[in-house]
PDB file of all heavy atoms in Angstrom:
ATOM      1  N   THR A   1     147.632-106.585 168.731  1.00  0.00           N
ATOM      2  CA  THR A   1     146.830-107.461 167.906  1.00  0.00           C
ATOM      3  C   THR A   1     146.935-108.851 168.541  1.00  0.00           C
ATOM      4  O   THR A   1     145.867-109.601 168.487  1.00  0.00           O
ATOM      5  CB  THR A   1     147.246-107.380 166.541  1.00  0.00           C
ATOM      6  OG1 THR A   1     147.130-106.062 166.083  1.00  0.00           O
ATOM      7  CG2 THR A   1     146.322-108.290 165.641  1.00  0.00           C
ATOM      8  N   ALA A   2     147.990-109.372 168.945  1.00  0.00           N
ATOM      9  CA  ALA A   2     148.202-110.685 169.486  1.00  0.00           C
ATOM     10  C   ALA A   2     147.427-110.868 170.619  1.00  0.00           C
ATOM     11  O   ALA A   2     146.674-111.808 170.971  1.00  0.00           O
ATOM     12  CB  ALA A   2     149.570-111.048 169.684  1.00  0.00           C
ATOM     13  N   THR A   3     147.432-109.660 171.547  1.00  0.00           N
ATOM     14  CA  THR A   3     146.791-109.828 172.888  1.00  0.00           C
ATOM     15  C   THR A   3     145.305-109.968 172.524  1.00  0.00           C
ATOM     16  O   THR A   3     144.565-110.735 173.215  1.00  0.00           O
ATOM     17  CB  THR A   3     147.045-108.548 173.649  1.00  0.00           C
ATOM     18  OG1 THR A   3     148.413-108.492 173.966  1.00  0.00           O
ATOM     19  CG2 THR A   3     146.282-108.612 175.052  1.00  0.00           C
ATOM     20  N   ALA A   4     144.693-109.218 171.584  1.00  0.00           N
ATOM     21  CA  ALA A   4     143.196-109.160 171.252  1.00  0.00           C
ATOM     22  C   ALA A   4     142.949-110.644 170.679  1.00  0.00           C
ATOM     23  O   ALA A   4     141.992-111.160 170.960  1.00  0.00           O
ATOM     24  CB  ALA A   4     142.982-108.109 170.284  1.00  0.00           C
ATOM     25  N   TRP A   5     143.749-111.028 169.814  1.00  0.00           N
ATOM     26  CA  TRP A   5     143.651-112.421 169.276  1.00  0.00           C
ATOM     27  C   TRP A   5     143.558-113.604 170.221  1.00  0.00           C
ATOM     28  O   TRP A   5     142.675-114.397 170.178  1.00  0.00           O
ATOM     29  CB  TRP A   5     144.641-112.814 168.173  1.00  0.00           C
ATOM     30  CG  TRP A   5     144.476-114.069 167.593  1.00  0.00           C
ATOM     31  CD1 TRP A   5     145.110-115.345 167.892  1.00  0.00           C
ATOM     32  CD2 TRP A   5     143.456-114.364 166.593  1.00  0.00           C
ATOM     33  NE1 TRP A   5     144.578-116.303 167.031  1.00  0.00           N
ATOM     34  CE2 TRP A   5     143.518-115.816 166.269  1.00  0.00           C
ATOM     35  CE3 TRP A   5     142.595-113.702 165.859  1.00  0.00           C
ATOM     36  CZ2 TRP A   5     142.672-116.431 165.414  1.00  0.00           C
ATOM     37  CZ3 TRP A   5     141.633-114.394 164.935  1.00  0.00           C
ATOM     38  CH2 TRP A   5     141.897-115.684 164.654  1.00  0.00           C
ATOM     39  N   TYR A   6     144.422-113.412 171.202  1.00  0.00           N
ATOM     40  CA  TYR A   6     144.438-114.543 172.231  1.00  0.00           C
ATOM     41  C   TYR A   6     143.445-114.154 173.439  1.00  0.00           C
ATOM     42  O   TYR A   6     143.498-114.860 174.403  1.00  0.00           O
ATOM     43  CB  TYR A   6     145.850-114.659 172.734  1.00  0.00           C
ATOM     44  CG  TYR A   6     146.908-115.315 171.876  1.00  0.00           C
ATOM     45  CD1 TYR A   6     148.016-114.611 171.627  1.00  0.00           C
ATOM     46  CD2 TYR A   6     146.676-116.479 171.203  1.00  0.00           C
ATOM     47  CE1 TYR A   6     148.947-115.079 170.668  1.00  0.00           C
ATOM     48  CE2 TYR A   6     147.562-117.044 170.208  1.00  0.00           C
ATOM     49  CZ  TYR A   6     148.650-116.217 170.069  1.00  0.00           C
ATOM     50  OH  TYR A   6     149.569-116.750 169.115  1.00  0.00           O
ATOM     51  N   ARG A   7     142.704-113.066 173.235  1.00  0.00           N
ATOM     52  CA  ARG A   7     141.661-112.694 174.149  1.00  0.00           C
ATOM     53  C   ARG A   7     142.320-112.525 175.447  1.00  0.00           C
ATOM     54  O   ARG A   7     141.834-112.888 176.592  1.00  0.00           O
ATOM     55  CB  ARG A   7     140.550-113.648 174.234  1.00  0.00           C
ATOM     56  CG  ARG A   7     139.639-113.602 172.988  1.00  0.00           C
ATOM     57  CD  ARG A   7     138.648-114.683 172.875  1.00  0.00           C
ATOM     58  NE  ARG A   7     137.735-114.546 171.813  1.00  0.00           N
ATOM     59  CZ  ARG A   7     137.993-115.011 170.569  1.00  0.00           C
ATOM     60  NH1 ARG A   7     139.319-115.542 170.318  1.00  0.00           N
ATOM     61  NH2 ARG A   7     137.212-114.934 169.610  1.00  0.00           N
ATOM     62  N   GLY A   8     143.577-111.764 175.535  1.00  0.00           N
ATOM     63  CA  GLY A   8     144.147-111.387 176.789  1.00  0.00           C
ATOM     64  C   GLY A   8     144.936-112.709 177.385  1.00  0.00           C
ATOM     65  O   GLY A   8     145.651-112.406 178.390  1.00  0.00           O
ATOM     66  N   ASP A   9     144.787-113.766 176.844  1.00  0.00           N
ATOM     67  CA  ASP A   9     145.641-114.995 177.417  1.00  0.00           C
ATOM     68  C   ASP A   9     147.029-114.674 176.820  1.00  0.00           C
ATOM     69  O   ASP A   9     147.234-114.838 175.794  1.00  0.00           O
ATOM     70  CB  ASP A   9     145.004-116.373 176.748  1.00  0.00           C
ATOM     71  CG  ASP A   9     145.847-117.494 177.308  1.00  0.00           C
ATOM     72  OD1 ASP A   9     146.425-117.377 178.217  1.00  0.00           O
ATOM     73  OD2 ASP A   9     145.705-118.466 176.657  1.00  0.00           O
ATOM     74  N   VAL A  10     147.904-114.475 177.869  1.00  0.00           N
ATOM     75  CA  VAL A  10     149.266-114.276 177.524  1.00  0.00           C
ATOM     76  C   VAL A  10     150.022-115.433 176.894  1.00  0.00           C
ATOM     77  O   VAL A  10     149.993-116.445 177.614  1.00  0.00           O
ATOM     78  CB  VAL A  10     149.951-113.547 178.733  1.00  0.00           C
ATOM     79  CG1 VAL A  10     151.540-113.312 178.284  1.00  0.00           C
ATOM     80  CG2 VAL A  10     149.394-112.304 179.057  1.00  0.00           C
ATOM     81  N   ARG A  11     150.565-115.229 175.700  1.00  0.00           N
ATOM     82  CA  ARG A  11     151.300-116.474 175.053  1.00  0.00           C
ATOM     83  C   ARG A  11     152.760-115.935 175.022  1.00  0.00           C
ATOM     84  O   ARG A  11     153.121-114.770 174.994  1.00  0.00           O
ATOM     85  CB  ARG A  11     150.841-116.660 173.692  1.00  0.00           C
ATOM     86  CG  ARG A  11     149.372-116.962 173.609  1.00  0.00           C
ATOM     87  CD  ARG A  11     149.036-118.513 174.207  1.00  0.00           C
ATOM     88  NE  ARG A  11     147.666-118.761 174.162  1.00  0.00           N
ATOM     89  CZ  ARG A  11     147.083-119.384 173.201  1.00  0.00           C
ATOM     90  NH1 ARG A  11     147.602-119.712 172.117  1.00  0.00           N
ATOM     91  NH2 ARG A  11     145.741-119.558 173.374  1.00  0.00           N
ATOM     92  N   PRO A  12     153.781-116.844 175.039  1.00  0.00           N
ATOM     93  CA  PRO A  12     155.124-116.568 175.071  1.00  0.00           C
ATOM     94  C   PRO A  12     155.479-115.734 173.597  1.00  0.00           C
ATOM     95  O   PRO A  12     154.987-116.270 172.649  1.00  0.00           O
ATOM     96  CB  PRO A  12     155.831-117.808 175.214  1.00  0.00           C
ATOM     97  CG  PRO A  12     154.949-118.788 174.800  1.00  0.00           C
ATOM     98  CD  PRO A  12     153.599-118.455 175.120  1.00  0.00           C
ATOM     99  N   MET A  13     156.257-114.810 173.712  1.00  0.00           N
ATOM    100  CA  MET A  13     156.874-114.043 172.664  1.00  0.00           C
ATOM    101  C   MET A  13     158.305-113.902 172.708  1.00  0.00           C
ATOM    102  O   MET A  13     158.887-113.805 173.848  1.00  0.00           O
ATOM    103  CB  MET A  13     156.128-112.702 172.628  1.00  0.00           C
ATOM    104  CG  MET A  13     156.573-111.730 171.516  1.00  0.00           C
ATOM    105  SD  MET A  13     155.724-111.829 170.026  1.00  0.00           S
ATOM    106  CE  MET A  13     154.154-111.486 170.297  1.00  0.00           C
ATOM    107  N   VAL A  14     158.894-114.057 171.676  1.00  0.00           N
ATOM    108  CA  VAL A  14     160.511-114.002 171.641  1.00  0.00           C
ATOM    109  C   VAL A  14     160.857-112.909 170.519  1.00  0.00           C
ATOM    110  O   VAL A  14     160.112-112.778 169.479  1.00  0.00           O
ATOM    111  CB  VAL A  14     161.263-115.239 171.359  1.00  0.00           C
ATOM    112  CG1 VAL A  14     161.057-116.267 172.560  1.00  0.00           C
ATOM    113  CG2 VAL A  14     160.842-115.925 170.077  1.00  0.00           C
ATOM    114  N   GLN A  15     162.053-112.271 170.671  1.00  0.00           N
ATOM    115  CA  GLN A  15     162.466-111.455 169.732  1.00  0.00           C
ATOM    116  C   GLN A  15     163.650-112.194 168.955  1.00  0.00           C
ATOM    117  O   GLN A  15     164.495-112.643 169.535  1.00  0.00           O
ATOM    118  CB  GLN A  15     163.063-110.089 170.331  1.00  0.00           C
ATOM    119  CG  GLN A  15     163.666-109.250 169.307  1.00  0.00           C
ATOM    120  CD  GLN A  15     164.222-107.785 169.845  1.00  0.00           C
ATOM    121  OE1 GLN A  15     164.484-107.807 171.097  1.00  0.00           O
ATOM    122  NE2 GLN A  15     164.630-106.986 169.126  1.00  0.00           N
ATOM    123  N   LEU A  16     163.571-112.124 167.549  1.00  0.00           N
ATOM    124  CA  LEU A  16     164.546-112.701 166.798  1.00  0.00           C
ATOM    125  C   LEU A  16     165.646-111.612 166.729  1.00  0.00           C
ATOM    126  O   LEU A  16     165.329-110.747 165.901  1.00  0.00           O
ATOM    127  CB  LEU A  16     163.999-113.250 165.511  1.00  0.00           C
ATOM    128  CG  LEU A  16     165.068-113.667 164.420  1.00  0.00           C
ATOM    129  CD1 LEU A  16     166.072-114.649 165.015  1.00  0.00           C
ATOM    130  CD2 LEU A  16     164.417-114.332 163.231  1.00  0.00           C
ATOM    131  N   LEU A  17     166.792-111.776 167.272  1.00  0.00           N
ATOM    132  CA  LEU A  17     167.998-110.903 167.112  1.00  0.00           C
ATOM    133  C   LEU A  17     168.891-111.434 166.052  1.00  0.00           C
ATOM    134  O   LEU A  17     169.143-112.583 165.986  1.00  0.00           O
ATOM    135  CB  LEU A  17     168.637-110.676 168.391  1.00  0.00           C
ATOM    136  CG  LEU A  17     167.916-110.057 169.502  1.00  0.00           C
ATOM    137  CD1 LEU A  17     168.566-110.142 170.913  1.00  0.00           C
ATOM    138  CD2 LEU A  17     167.618-108.662 169.334  1.00  0.00           C
ATOM    139  N   TYR A  18     169.195-110.609 165.032  1.00  0.00           N
ATOM    140  CA  TYR A  18     169.980-110.956 164.043  1.00  0.00           C
ATOM    141  C   TYR A  18     171.133-110.035 163.856  1.00  0.00           C
ATOM    142  O   TYR A  18     171.140-108.848 164.264  1.00  0.00           O
ATOM    143  CB  TYR A  18     169.213-111.102 162.633  1.00  0.00           C
ATOM    144  CG  TYR A  18     168.528-109.835 162.265  1.00  0.00           C
ATOM    145  CD1 TYR A  18     169.098-109.008 161.460  1.00  0.00           C
ATOM    146  CD2 TYR A  18     167.155-109.454 162.792  1.00  0.00           C
ATOM    147  CE1 TYR A  18     168.506-107.632 161.248  1.00  0.00           C
ATOM    148  CE2 TYR A  18     166.553-108.316 162.546  1.00  0.00           C
ATOM    149  CZ  TYR A  18     167.245-107.367 161.779  1.00  0.00           C
ATOM    150  OH  TYR A  18     166.592-106.214 161.461  1.00  0.00           O
ATOM    151  N   PRO A  19     172.296-110.385 163.241  1.00  0.00           N
ATOM    152  CA  PRO A  19     173.405-109.516 163.146  1.00  0.00           C
ATOM    153  C   PRO A  19     173.257-108.582 161.919  1.00  0.00           C
ATOM    154  O   PRO A  19     172.469-108.580 160.934  1.00  0.00           O
ATOM    155  CB  PRO A  19     174.687-110.534 162.816  1.00  0.00           C
ATOM    156  CG  PRO A  19     173.869-111.690 162.082  1.00  0.00           C
ATOM    157  CD  PRO A  19     172.442-111.739 162.603  1.00  0.00           C
ATOM    158  N   ASP A  20     174.240-107.528 162.024  1.00  0.00           N
ATOM    159  CA  ASP A  20     174.314-106.521 160.810  1.00  0.00           C
ATOM    160  C   ASP A  20     175.088-107.164 159.784  1.00  0.00           C
ATOM    161  O   ASP A  20     175.545-108.479 160.008  1.00  0.00           O
ATOM    162  CB  ASP A  20     174.995-105.240 161.405  1.00  0.00           C
ATOM    163  CG  ASP A  20     176.395-105.431 161.860  1.00  0.00           C
ATOM    164  OD1 ASP A  20     177.142-106.352 161.596  1.00  0.00           O
ATOM    165  OD2 ASP A  20     176.914-104.401 162.508  1.00  0.00           O
ATOM    166  N   ARG A  21     175.379-106.576 158.752  1.00  0.00           N
ATOM    167  CA  ARG A  21     176.061-107.077 157.632  1.00  0.00           C
ATOM    168  C   ARG A  21     177.479-107.425 157.947  1.00  0.00           C
ATOM    169  O   ARG A  21     178.122-108.277 157.145  1.00  0.00           O
ATOM    170  CB  ARG A  21     175.994-106.122 156.360  1.00  0.00           C
ATOM    171  CG  ARG A  21     176.652-105.045 156.505  1.00  0.00           C
ATOM    172  CD  ARG A  21     176.645-104.087 155.204  1.00  0.00           C
ATOM    173  NE  ARG A  21     177.152-102.693 155.464  1.00  0.00           N
ATOM    174  CZ  ARG A  21     176.489-101.672 155.080  1.00  0.00           C
ATOM    175  NH1 ARG A  21     175.324-101.885 154.546  1.00  0.00           N
ATOM    176  NH2 ARG A  21     176.944-100.518 155.398  1.00  0.00           N
ATOM    177  N   ASN A  22     178.118-107.001 158.940  1.00  0.00           N
ATOM    178  CA  ASN A  22     179.569-107.361 159.399  1.00  0.00           C
ATOM    179  C   ASN A  22     179.493-108.415 160.440  1.00  0.00           C
ATOM    180  O   ASN A  22     180.553-108.784 160.871  1.00  0.00           O
ATOM    181  CB  ASN A  22     180.230-106.078 160.041  1.00  0.00           C
ATOM    182  CG  ASN A  22     180.248-104.937 158.881  1.00  0.00           C
ATOM    183  OD1 ASN A  22     180.678-105.298 157.726  1.00  0.00           O
ATOM    184  ND2 ASN A  22     180.066-103.788 159.255  1.00  0.00           N
ATOM    185  N   GLY A  23     178.324-108.961 160.838  1.00  0.00           N
ATOM    186  CA  GLY A  23     178.186-110.149 161.577  1.00  0.00           C
ATOM    187  C   GLY A  23     178.111-109.868 163.051  1.00  0.00           C
ATOM    188  O   GLY A  23     178.142-110.775 163.929  1.00  0.00           O
ATOM    189  N   PHE A  24     177.978-108.494 163.361  1.00  0.00           N
ATOM    190  CA  PHE A  24     177.811-108.119 164.857  1.00  0.00           C
ATOM    191  C   PHE A  24     176.383-108.162 165.332  1.00  0.00           C
ATOM    192  O   PHE A  24     175.463-107.671 164.488  1.00  0.00           O
ATOM    193  CB  PHE A  24     178.508-106.697 165.176  1.00  0.00           C
ATOM    194  CG  PHE A  24     179.951-106.632 164.899  1.00  0.00           C
ATOM    195  CD1 PHE A  24     180.500-106.136 163.864  1.00  0.00           C
ATOM    196  CD2 PHE A  24     180.667-107.127 166.108  1.00  0.00           C
ATOM    197  CE1 PHE A  24     181.956-106.010 163.833  1.00  0.00           C
ATOM    198  CE2 PHE A  24     182.164-106.941 166.023  1.00  0.00           C
ATOM    199  CZ  PHE A  24     182.789-106.449 164.790  1.00  0.00           C
ATOM    200  N   MET A  25     176.161-108.594 166.393  1.00  0.00           N
ATOM    201  CA  MET A  25     174.712-108.627 166.961  1.00  0.00           C
ATOM    202  C   MET A  25     174.428-107.278 167.633  1.00  0.00           C
ATOM    203  O   MET A  25     175.418-106.530 168.018  1.00  0.00           O
ATOM    204  CB  MET A  25     174.723-109.734 167.927  1.00  0.00           C
ATOM    205  CG  MET A  25     174.802-111.118 167.514  1.00  0.00           C
ATOM    206  SD  MET A  25     173.607-111.607 166.320  1.00  0.00           S
ATOM    207  CE  MET A  25     172.258-112.083 167.467  1.00  0.00           C
ATOM    208  N   PRO A  26     173.132-106.981 167.692  1.00  0.00           N
ATOM    209  CA  PRO A  26     172.748-105.510 168.193  1.00  0.00           C
ATOM    210  C   PRO A  26     173.264-105.263 169.637  1.00  0.00           C
ATOM    211  O   PRO A  26     173.265-104.087 170.081  1.00  0.00           O
ATOM    212  CB  PRO A  26     171.284-105.547 168.099  1.00  0.00           C
ATOM    213  CG  PRO A  26     170.819-106.898 167.918  1.00  0.00           C
ATOM    214  CD  PRO A  26     172.095-107.796 167.398  1.00  0.00           C
ATOM    215  N   TYR A  27     173.657-106.203 170.446  1.00  0.00           N
ATOM    216  CA  TYR A  27     174.028-105.978 171.834  1.00  0.00           C
ATOM    217  C   TYR A  27     175.706-105.944 171.828  1.00  0.00           C
ATOM    218  O   TYR A  27     176.283-105.874 172.949  1.00  0.00           O
ATOM    219  CB  TYR A  27     173.516-106.962 172.811  1.00  0.00           C
ATOM    220  CG  TYR A  27     173.789-108.333 172.311  1.00  0.00           C
ATOM    221  CD1 TYR A  27     174.863-109.170 172.302  1.00  0.00           C
ATOM    222  CD2 TYR A  27     172.624-108.937 171.575  1.00  0.00           C
ATOM    223  CE1 TYR A  27     174.906-110.434 171.897  1.00  0.00           C
ATOM    224  CE2 TYR A  27     172.624-110.305 171.010  1.00  0.00           C
ATOM    225  CZ  TYR A  27     173.810-111.026 171.201  1.00  0.00           C
ATOM    226  OH  TYR A  27     173.885-112.245 170.711  1.00  0.00           O
TER     227      TYR A  27
END
């Protein structure tokens, strides 16, 4: 949907990584 909205013009995208309830990150 973003690709269609921007008509194929690639815009930067980031993933917001957040911790589990014990404070550990997914990596």
